[in-house]
Amino acid sequence: MIELSPKLKRAARVIVGGTWGLVAWSLSGLSAVAVVLWGIKAVAIPLLMVKTASWGIGGLGVLRESKVRNKPPTG
């Protein structure tokens, strides 16, 4: 297994958005599955709402992770 540097791990975590980013990616994936299963006409409005929410959640996750990244280490 390849060992990643702590800097690279931290950067990846900021890009994904941490835990909230993973939630947002999951919502986005679920909405894609809904389109495949039920078709775009059946899920158009809910899809728009879910996508908007997932982008907002992902953005908050990225902001949160970048703030955590900029804090000086304690301890």
PDB file of N, CA and C in Angstrom:
ATOM      1  N   MET A   1       0.837  -1.180   0.000  1.00  0.00           N
ATOM      2  CA  MET A   1       0.000   0.000   0.000  1.00  0.00           C
ATOM      3  C   MET A   1       0.883   1.245   0.000  1.00  0.00           C
ATOM      4  N   ILE A   2       0.483   2.230  -0.750  1.00  0.00           N
ATOM      5  CA  ILE A   2       1.260   3.463  -0.863  1.00  0.00           C
ATOM      6  C   ILE A   2       0.944   4.377   0.315  1.00  0.00           C
ATOM      7  N   GLU A   3       1.995   4.854   0.972  1.00  0.00           N
ATOM      8  CA  GLU A   3       1.830   5.798   2.069  1.00  0.00           C
ATOM      9  C   GLU A   3       1.788   7.216   1.500  1.00  0.00           C
ATOM     10  N   LEU A   4       0.741   7.938   1.823  1.00  0.00           N
ATOM     11  CA  LEU A   4       0.609   9.320   1.374  1.00  0.00           C
ATOM     12  C   LEU A   4       1.108  10.266   2.452  1.00  0.00           C
ATOM     13  N   SER A   5       1.674  11.357   2.027  1.00  0.00           N
ATOM     14  CA  SER A   5       2.160  12.332   2.998  1.00  0.00           C
ATOM     15  C   SER A   5       0.965  12.993   3.688  1.00  0.00           C
ATOM     16  N   PRO A   6       1.149  13.441   4.930  1.00  0.00           N
ATOM     17  CA  PRO A   6       0.059  14.107   5.633  1.00  0.00           C
ATOM     18  C   PRO A   6      -0.466  15.334   4.889  1.00  0.00           C
ATOM     19  N   LYS A   7       0.428  16.025   4.186  1.00  0.00           N
ATOM     20  CA  LYS A   7       0.013  17.203   3.415  1.00  0.00           C
ATOM     21  C   LYS A   7      -0.946  16.808   2.294  1.00  0.00           C
ATOM     22  N   LEU A   8      -0.635  15.716   1.613  1.00  0.00           N
ATOM     23  CA  LEU A   8      -1.470  15.243   0.518  1.00  0.00           C
ATOM     24  C   LEU A   8      -2.820  14.741   1.039  1.00  0.00           C
ATOM     25  N   LYS A   9      -2.804  14.039   2.158  1.00  0.00           N
ATOM     26  CA  LYS A   9      -4.052  13.577   2.771  1.00  0.00           C
ATOM     27  C   LYS A   9      -4.932  14.751   3.139  1.00  0.00           C
ATOM     28  N   ARG A  10      -4.322  15.774   3.718  1.00  0.00           N
ATOM     29  CA  ARG A  10      -5.064  16.959   4.141  1.00  0.00           C
ATOM     30  C   ARG A  10      -5.664  17.681   2.932  1.00  0.00           C
ATOM     31  N   ALA A  11      -4.872  17.803   1.863  1.00  0.00           N
ATOM     32  CA  ALA A  11      -5.360  18.466   0.654  1.00  0.00           C
ATOM     33  C   ALA A  11      -6.538  17.695   0.049  1.00  0.00           C
ATOM     34  N   ALA A  12      -6.433  16.380   0.022  1.00  0.00           N
ATOM     35  CA  ALA A  12      -7.521  15.558  -0.505  1.00  0.00           C
ATOM     36  C   ALA A  12      -8.774  15.717   0.340  1.00  0.00           C
ATOM     37  N   ARG A  13      -8.599  15.786   1.642  1.00  0.00           N
ATOM     38  CA  ARG A  13      -9.742  15.955   2.537  1.00  0.00           C
ATOM     39  C   ARG A  13     -10.428  17.299   2.313  1.00  0.00           C
ATOM     40  N   VAL A  14      -9.641  18.337   2.076  1.00  0.00           N
ATOM     41  CA  VAL A  14     -10.220  19.658   1.803  1.00  0.00           C
ATOM     42  C   VAL A  14     -10.958  19.634   0.468  1.00  0.00           C
ATOM     43  N   ILE A  15     -10.365  19.008  -0.547  1.00  0.00           N
ATOM     44  CA  ILE A  15     -11.000  18.964  -1.868  1.00  0.00           C
ATOM     45  C   ILE A  15     -12.328  18.219  -1.821  1.00  0.00           C
ATOM     46  N   VAL A  16     -12.366  17.095  -1.119  1.00  0.00           N
ATOM     47  CA  VAL A  16     -13.599  16.317  -1.015  1.00  0.00           C
ATOM     48  C   VAL A  16     -14.608  17.013  -0.110  1.00  0.00           C
ATOM     49  N   GLY A  17     -14.139  17.687   0.915  1.00  0.00           N
ATOM     50  CA  GLY A  17     -15.044  18.373   1.834  1.00  0.00           C
ATOM     51  C   GLY A  17     -15.241  17.628   3.137  1.00  0.00           C
ATOM     52  N   GLY A  18     -14.371  16.690   3.417  1.00  0.00           N
ATOM     53  CA  GLY A  18     -14.458  15.952   4.681  1.00  0.00           C
ATOM     54  C   GLY A  18     -15.713  15.101   4.748  1.00  0.00           C
ATOM     55  N   THR A  19     -16.234  14.948   5.937  1.00  0.00           N
ATOM     56  CA  THR A  19     -17.422  14.123   6.156  1.00  0.00           C
ATOM     57  C   THR A  19     -18.635  14.690   5.431  1.00  0.00           C
ATOM     58  N   TRP A  20     -18.800  16.005   5.508  1.00  0.00           N
ATOM     59  CA  TRP A  20     -19.950  16.630   4.841  1.00  0.00           C
ATOM     60  C   TRP A  20     -19.835  16.482   3.324  1.00  0.00           C
ATOM     61  N   GLY A  21     -18.630  16.525   2.825  1.00  0.00           N
ATOM     62  CA  GLY A  21     -18.430  16.316   1.394  1.00  0.00           C
ATOM     63  C   GLY A  21     -18.823  14.914   0.965  1.00  0.00           C
ATOM     64  N   LEU A  22     -18.502  13.931   1.802  1.00  0.00           N
ATOM     65  CA  LEU A  22     -18.899  12.557   1.489  1.00  0.00           C
ATOM     66  C   LEU A  22     -20.423  12.410   1.480  1.00  0.00           C
ATOM     67  N   VAL A  23     -21.100  13.099   2.395  1.00  0.00           N
ATOM     68  CA  VAL A  23     -22.567  13.094   2.409  1.00  0.00           C
ATOM     69  C   VAL A  23     -23.090  13.703   1.113  1.00  0.00           C
ATOM     70  N   ALA A  24     -22.495  14.815   0.695  1.00  0.00           N
ATOM     71  CA  ALA A  24     -22.931  15.480  -0.534  1.00  0.00           C
ATOM     72  C   ALA A  24     -22.705  14.585  -1.753  1.00  0.00           C
ATOM     73  N   TRP A  25     -21.539  13.932  -1.828  1.00  0.00           N
ATOM     74  CA  TRP A  25     -21.265  13.027  -2.948  1.00  0.00           C
ATOM     75  C   TRP A  25     -22.256  11.870  -2.954  1.00  0.00           C
ATOM     76  N   SER A  26     -22.614  11.378  -1.782  1.00  0.00           N
ATOM     77  CA  SER A  26     -23.586  10.276  -1.692  1.00  0.00           C
ATOM     78  C   SER A  26     -24.954  10.718  -2.191  1.00  0.00           C
ATOM     79  N   LEU A  27     -25.400  11.916  -1.780  1.00  0.00           N
ATOM     80  CA  LEU A  27     -26.684  12.437  -2.261  1.00  0.00           C
ATOM     81  C   LEU A  27     -26.680  12.580  -3.776  1.00  0.00           C
ATOM     82  N   SER A  28     -25.594  13.062  -4.289  1.00  0.00           N
ATOM     83  CA  SER A  28     -25.475  13.240  -5.733  1.00  0.00           C
ATOM     84  C   SER A  28     -25.537  11.888  -6.455  1.00  0.00           C
ATOM     85  N   GLY A  29     -24.865  10.909  -5.914  1.00  0.00           N
ATOM     86  CA  GLY A  29     -24.898   9.570  -6.492  1.00  0.00           C
ATOM     87  C   GLY A  29     -26.277   8.948  -6.431  1.00  0.00           C
ATOM     88  N   LEU A  30     -26.962   9.140  -5.311  1.00  0.00           N
ATOM     89  CA  LEU A  30     -28.320   8.606  -5.173  1.00  0.00           C
ATOM     90  C   LEU A  30     -29.276   9.255  -6.168  1.00  0.00           C
ATOM     91  N   SER A  31     -29.089  10.539  -6.404  1.00  0.00           N
ATOM     92  CA  SER A  31     -29.958  11.207  -7.376  1.00  0.00           C
ATOM     93  C   SER A  31     -29.702  10.682  -8.786  1.00  0.00           C
ATOM     94  N   ALA A  32     -28.460  10.350  -9.098  1.00  0.00           N
ATOM     95  CA  ALA A  32     -28.157   9.763 -10.404  1.00  0.00           C
ATOM     96  C   ALA A  32     -28.812   8.388 -10.548  1.00  0.00           C
ATOM     97  N   VAL A  33     -28.805   7.624  -9.482  1.00  0.00           N
ATOM     98  CA  VAL A  33     -29.461   6.309  -9.498  1.00  0.00           C
ATOM     99  C   VAL A  33     -30.967   6.478  -9.696  1.00  0.00           C
ATOM    100  N   ALA A  34     -31.557   7.484  -9.056  1.00  0.00           N
ATOM    101  CA  ALA A  34     -32.997   7.745  -9.202  1.00  0.00           C
ATOM    102  C   ALA A  34     -33.347   8.076 -10.650  1.00  0.00           C
ATOM    103  N   VAL A  35     -32.502   8.838 -11.313  1.00  0.00           N
ATOM    104  CA  VAL A  35     -32.742   9.168 -12.718  1.00  0.00           C
ATOM    105  C   VAL A  35     -32.705   7.903 -13.571  1.00  0.00           C
ATOM    106  N   VAL A  36     -31.751   7.034 -13.296  1.00  0.00           N
ATOM    107  CA  VAL A  36     -31.648   5.792 -14.063  1.00  0.00           C
ATOM    108  C   VAL A  36     -32.872   4.906 -13.826  1.00  0.00           C
ATOM    109  N   LEU A  37     -33.319   4.825 -12.574  1.00  0.00           N
ATOM    110  CA  LEU A  37     -34.437   3.942 -12.247  1.00  0.00           C
ATOM    111  C   LEU A  37     -35.788   4.482 -12.713  1.00  0.00           C
ATOM    112  N   TRP A  38     -36.059   5.772 -12.454  1.00  0.00           N
ATOM    113  CA  TRP A  38     -37.386   6.306 -12.710  1.00  0.00           C
ATOM    114  C   TRP A  38     -37.466   7.254 -13.904  1.00  0.00           C
ATOM    115  N   GLY A  39     -36.349   7.654 -14.437  1.00  0.00           N
ATOM    116  CA  GLY A  39     -36.362   8.565 -15.590  1.00  0.00           C
ATOM    117  C   GLY A  39     -36.352  10.020 -15.146  1.00  0.00           C
ATOM    118  N   ILE A  40     -35.858  10.870 -16.011  1.00  0.00           N
ATOM    119  CA  ILE A  40     -35.677  12.278 -15.667  1.00  0.00           C
ATOM    120  C   ILE A  40     -37.010  12.998 -15.466  1.00  0.00           C
ATOM    121  N   LYS A  41     -38.049  12.616 -16.222  1.00  0.00           N
ATOM    122  CA  LYS A  41     -39.336  13.317 -16.097  1.00  0.00           C
ATOM    123  C   LYS A  41     -39.970  13.085 -14.726  1.00  0.00           C
ATOM    124  N   ALA A  42     -39.790  11.901 -14.175  1.00  0.00           N
ATOM    125  CA  ALA A  42     -40.411  11.579 -12.893  1.00  0.00           C
ATOM    126  C   ALA A  42     -39.704  12.244 -11.724  1.00  0.00           C
ATOM    127  N   VAL A  43     -38.421  12.540 -11.861  1.00  0.00           N
ATOM    128  CA  VAL A  43     -37.662  13.064 -10.720  1.00  0.00           C
ATOM    129  C   VAL A  43     -37.046  14.443 -10.977  1.00  0.00           C
ATOM    130  N   ALA A  44     -37.566  15.180 -11.939  1.00  0.00           N
ATOM    131  CA  ALA A  44     -36.936  16.443 -12.326  1.00  0.00           C
ATOM    132  C   ALA A  44     -36.871  17.448 -11.173  1.00  0.00           C
ATOM    133  N   ILE A  45     -37.976  17.748 -10.534  1.00  0.00           N
ATOM    134  CA  ILE A  45     -37.995  18.745  -9.455  1.00  0.00           C
ATOM    135  C   ILE A  45     -37.253  18.231  -8.215  1.00  0.00           C
ATOM    136  N   PRO A  46     -37.535  17.000  -7.747  1.00  0.00           N
ATOM    137  CA  PRO A  46     -36.752  16.504  -6.612  1.00  0.00           C
ATOM    138  C   PRO A  46     -35.258  16.431  -6.920  1.00  0.00           C
ATOM    139  N   LEU A  47     -34.900  16.098  -8.163  1.00  0.00           N
ATOM    140  CA  LEU A  47     -33.496  16.038  -8.547  1.00  0.00           C
ATOM    141  C   LEU A  47     -32.851  17.414  -8.428  1.00  0.00           C
ATOM    142  N   LEU A  48     -33.542  18.438  -8.873  1.00  0.00           N
ATOM    143  CA  LEU A  48     -33.033  19.802  -8.762  1.00  0.00           C
ATOM    144  C   LEU A  48     -32.817  20.187  -7.300  1.00  0.00           C
ATOM    145  N   MET A  49     -33.756  19.814  -6.439  1.00  0.00           N
ATOM    146  CA  MET A  49     -33.626  20.134  -5.016  1.00  0.00           C
ATOM    147  C   MET A  49     -32.462  19.371  -4.382  1.00  0.00           C
ATOM    148  N   VAL A  50     -32.324  18.105  -4.709  1.00  0.00           N
ATOM    149  CA  VAL A  50     -31.248  17.298  -4.137  1.00  0.00           C
ATOM    150  C   VAL A  50     -29.888  17.783  -4.626  1.00  0.00           C
ATOM    151  N   LYS A  51     -29.789  18.091  -5.909  1.00  0.00           N
ATOM    152  CA  LYS A  51     -28.515  18.580  -6.444  1.00  0.00           C
ATOM    153  C   LYS A  51     -28.125  19.911  -5.802  1.00  0.00           C
ATOM    154  N   THR A  52     -29.095  20.807  -5.628  1.00  0.00           N
ATOM    155  CA  THR A  52     -28.821  22.092  -4.976  1.00  0.00           C
ATOM    156  C   THR A  52     -28.355  21.870  -3.546  1.00  0.00           C
ATOM    157  N   ALA A  53     -29.032  20.980  -2.834  1.00  0.00           N
ATOM    158  CA  ALA A  53     -28.643  20.684  -1.456  1.00  0.00           C
ATOM    159  C   ALA A  53     -27.260  20.043  -1.406  1.00  0.00           C
ATOM    160  N   SER A  54     -26.971  19.134  -2.317  1.00  0.00           N
ATOM    161  CA  SER A  54     -25.677  18.458  -2.272  1.00  0.00           C
ATOM    162  C   SER A  54     -24.536  19.434  -2.579  1.00  0.00           C
ATOM    163  N   TRP A  55     -24.749  20.361  -3.503  1.00  0.00           N
ATOM    164  CA  TRP A  55     -23.715  21.364  -3.781  1.00  0.00           C
ATOM    165  C   TRP A  55     -23.501  22.265  -2.570  1.00  0.00           C
ATOM    166  N   GLY A  56     -24.587  22.634  -1.898  1.00  0.00           N
ATOM    167  CA  GLY A  56     -24.461  23.465  -0.697  1.00  0.00           C
ATOM    168  C   GLY A  56     -23.747  22.739   0.431  1.00  0.00           C
ATOM    169  N   ILE A  57     -24.115  21.485   0.648  1.00  0.00           N
ATOM    170  CA  ILE A  57     -23.473  20.687   1.689  1.00  0.00           C
ATOM    171  C   ILE A  57     -21.991  20.482   1.368  1.00  0.00           C
ATOM    172  N   GLY A  58     -21.711  20.188   0.120  1.00  0.00           N
ATOM    173  CA  GLY A  58     -20.318  20.002  -0.295  1.00  0.00           C
ATOM    174  C   GLY A  58     -19.505  21.275  -0.107  1.00  0.00           C
ATOM    175  N   GLY A  59     -20.089  22.406  -0.470  1.00  0.00           N
ATOM    176  CA  GLY A  59     -19.406  23.691  -0.293  1.00  0.00           C
ATOM    177  C   GLY A  59     -19.130  23.994   1.164  1.00  0.00           C
ATOM    178  N   LEU A  60     -20.107  23.719   2.017  1.00  0.00           N
ATOM    179  CA  LEU A  60     -19.900  23.918   3.455  1.00  0.00           C
ATOM    180  C   LEU A  60     -18.804  23.007   3.984  1.00  0.00           C
ATOM    181  N   GLY A  61     -18.778  21.785   3.491  1.00  0.00           N
ATOM    182  CA  GLY A  61     -17.731  20.853   3.911  1.00  0.00           C
ATOM    183  C   GLY A  61     -16.349  21.333   3.515  1.00  0.00           C
ATOM    184  N   VAL A  62     -16.229  21.849   2.298  1.00  0.00           N
ATOM    185  CA  VAL A  62     -14.935  22.359   1.837  1.00  0.00           C
ATOM    186  C   VAL A  62     -14.516  23.568   2.675  1.00  0.00           C
ATOM    187  N   LEU A  63     -15.462  24.476   2.928  1.00  0.00           N
ATOM    188  CA  LEU A  63     -15.140  25.639   3.761  1.00  0.00           C
ATOM    189  C   LEU A  63     -14.723  25.218   5.161  1.00  0.00           C
ATOM    190  N   ARG A  64     -15.437  24.267   5.725  1.00  0.00           N
ATOM    191  CA  ARG A  64     -15.126  23.792   7.077  1.00  0.00           C
ATOM    192  C   ARG A  64     -13.736  23.159   7.126  1.00  0.00           C
ATOM    193  N   GLU A  65     -13.461  22.304   6.154  1.00  0.00           N
ATOM    194  CA  GLU A  65     -12.160  21.638   6.118  1.00  0.00           C
ATOM    195  C   GLU A  65     -11.023  22.624   5.883  1.00  0.00           C
ATOM    196  N   SER A  66     -11.245  23.637   5.065  1.00  0.00           N
ATOM    197  CA  SER A  66     -10.176  24.603   4.817  1.00  0.00           C
ATOM    198  C   SER A  66      -9.919  25.451   6.051  1.00  0.00           C
ATOM    199  N   LYS A  67     -10.965  25.733   6.847  1.00  0.00           N
ATOM    200  CA  LYS A  67     -10.759  26.465   8.102  1.00  0.00           C
ATOM    201  C   LYS A  67      -9.998  25.613   9.092  1.00  0.00           C
ATOM    202  N   VAL A  68     -10.330  24.337   9.182  1.00  0.00           N
ATOM    203  CA  VAL A  68      -9.627  23.426  10.082  1.00  0.00           C
ATOM    204  C   VAL A  68      -8.160  23.329   9.659  1.00  0.00           C
ATOM    205  N   ARG A  69      -7.937  23.329   8.369  1.00  0.00           N
ATOM    206  CA  ARG A  69      -6.572  23.221   7.834  1.00  0.00           C
ATOM    207  C   ARG A  69      -5.730  24.430   8.227  1.00  0.00           C
ATOM    208  N   ASN A  70      -6.341  25.597   8.266  1.00  0.00           N
ATOM    209  CA  ASN A  70      -5.590  26.818   8.535  1.00  0.00           C
ATOM    210  C   ASN A  70      -5.331  27.056  10.033  1.00  0.00           C
ATOM    211  N   LYS A  71      -6.000  26.312  10.909  1.00  0.00           N
ATOM    212  CA  LYS A  71      -5.772  26.481  12.341  1.00  0.00           C
ATOM    213  C   LYS A  71      -4.410  25.921  12.727  1.00  0.00           C
ATOM    214  N   PRO A  72      -3.710  26.614  13.620  1.00  0.00           N
ATOM    215  CA  PRO A  72      -2.419  26.068  14.071  1.00  0.00           C
ATOM    216  C   PRO A  72      -2.646  24.810  14.908  1.00  0.00           C
ATOM    217  N   PRO A  73      -1.735  23.861  14.829  1.00  0.00           N
ATOM    218  CA  PRO A  73      -1.903  22.617  15.596  1.00  0.00           C
ATOM    219  C   PRO A  73      -1.834  22.886  17.099  1.00  0.00           C
ATOM    220  N   THR A  74      -2.683  22.204  17.828  1.00  0.00           N
ATOM    221  CA  THR A  74      -2.679  22.333  19.294  1.00  0.00           C
ATOM    222  C   THR A  74      -2.080  21.066  19.885  1.00  0.00           C
ATOM    223  N   GLY A  75      -1.338  21.261  20.946  1.00  0.00           N
ATOM    224  CA  GLY A  75      -0.820  20.085  21.638  1.00  0.00           C
ATOM    225  C   GLY A  75       0.599  19.854  21.525  1.00  0.00           C
TER     226      GLY A  75
END
